[in-house]
Protein backbone atom coordinates (compact mmCIF):
# COMPACT_ATOMS: atom_id res chain seq x y z
CA MET A 1 -169.60 -96.20 125.87
CA THR A 2 -168.85 -99.68 127.20
CA GLU A 3 -171.87 -101.54 128.46
CA THR A 4 -172.02 -103.09 131.92
CA GLN A 5 -173.30 -106.55 132.27
CA GLU A 6 -176.59 -105.13 133.75
CA GLN A 7 -176.97 -102.75 130.85
CA TRP A 8 -176.31 -105.66 128.46
CA TYR A 9 -179.09 -107.79 130.08
CA HIS A 10 -181.57 -104.79 129.97
CA ARG A 11 -180.70 -104.19 126.26
CA GLN A 12 -181.05 -107.89 125.39
CA ALA A 13 -184.52 -108.00 127.13
CA VAL A 14 -185.68 -104.87 125.14
CA GLU A 15 -184.24 -106.17 121.90
CA GLN A 16 -185.85 -109.67 122.19
CA LEU A 17 -189.17 -108.23 123.21
CA ALA A 18 -189.21 -105.73 120.37
CA GLN A 19 -188.27 -108.38 117.89
CA HIS A 20 -191.00 -110.73 119.17
CA ILE A 21 -193.94 -108.42 119.47
CA PRO A 22 -194.73 -107.98 115.67
CA PHE A 23 -195.10 -111.80 115.49
CA GLU A 24 -197.27 -112.31 118.55
CA ARG A 25 -200.72 -113.41 117.44
CA ASP A 26 -202.52 -113.31 120.77
CA SER A 27 -203.68 -109.78 121.35
CA ALA A 28 -203.73 -110.04 125.18
CA SER A 29 -200.07 -111.39 125.18
CA LYS A 30 -199.07 -108.78 122.75
CA ALA A 31 -200.50 -105.94 124.90
CA GLU A 32 -198.79 -107.50 127.92
CA GLN A 33 -195.46 -107.67 126.11
CA ILE A 34 -195.73 -104.07 124.88
CA GLU A 35 -196.33 -102.94 128.54
CA MET A 36 -193.31 -104.96 129.72
CA LEU A 37 -191.24 -103.44 126.88
CA ARG A 38 -192.44 -99.92 127.77
CA GLY A 39 -191.54 -100.43 131.45
CA LEU A 40 -188.01 -101.59 130.61
CA VAL A 41 -187.40 -98.68 128.23
CA ILE A 42 -188.78 -96.14 130.73
CA ARG A 43 -186.64 -97.46 133.60
CA HIS A 44 -183.42 -98.37 131.66
CA GLY A 45 -183.58 -96.87 128.14
CA ARG A 46 -181.63 -93.79 128.91
CA ASP A 47 -178.55 -95.98 129.83
CA MET A 48 -178.65 -97.90 126.56
CA ASP A 49 -176.51 -97.16 123.53
CA PRO A 50 -178.83 -96.76 120.51
CA ASP A 51 -176.10 -97.85 118.12
CA LEU A 52 -176.16 -101.38 119.62
CA PHE A 53 -179.71 -102.10 118.60
CA GLY A 54 -180.57 -104.13 115.50
CA PHE A 55 -182.75 -103.00 112.65
CA GLU A 56 -186.01 -104.91 113.71
CA ALA A 57 -185.88 -103.85 117.32
CA ARG A 58 -185.18 -100.30 116.38
CA ASN A 59 -188.11 -100.22 113.91
CA GLU A 60 -190.46 -101.71 116.56
CA LEU A 61 -189.36 -99.19 119.21
CA ILE A 62 -189.92 -96.41 116.67
CA ARG A 63 -193.39 -97.80 115.83
CA LEU A 64 -194.24 -97.91 119.59
CA GLY A 65 -192.93 -94.32 120.14
CA LEU A 66 -190.21 -95.54 122.54
CA TRP A 67 -187.14 -94.90 120.45
CA ASN A 68 -186.61 -91.40 121.77
CA ARG A 69 -186.18 -92.80 125.22
CA ILE A 70 -183.10 -94.90 124.18
CA GLY A 71 -179.76 -93.29 124.96
CA SER A 72 -178.77 -90.17 126.71
CA THR A 73 -180.57 -86.99 125.63
CA HIS A 74 -177.82 -84.80 127.18
CA GLY A 75 -174.43 -85.26 125.44
């Protein structure tokens, strides 16, 4: 599966947020970022290739219960 530019931008946003969230110290900002991440994954996650995610982002998405929304569930 080749990513479109739009898919690349969405994946980059998800990956960067997921990598940043564990290091956010302000609890209000952290909660806001988790909600932003959740919204992105719910809207665009199905169109993302799970193999393109890095280790840290994948772990955070798993921790937040969002990993199962990444990638197509129907082959």
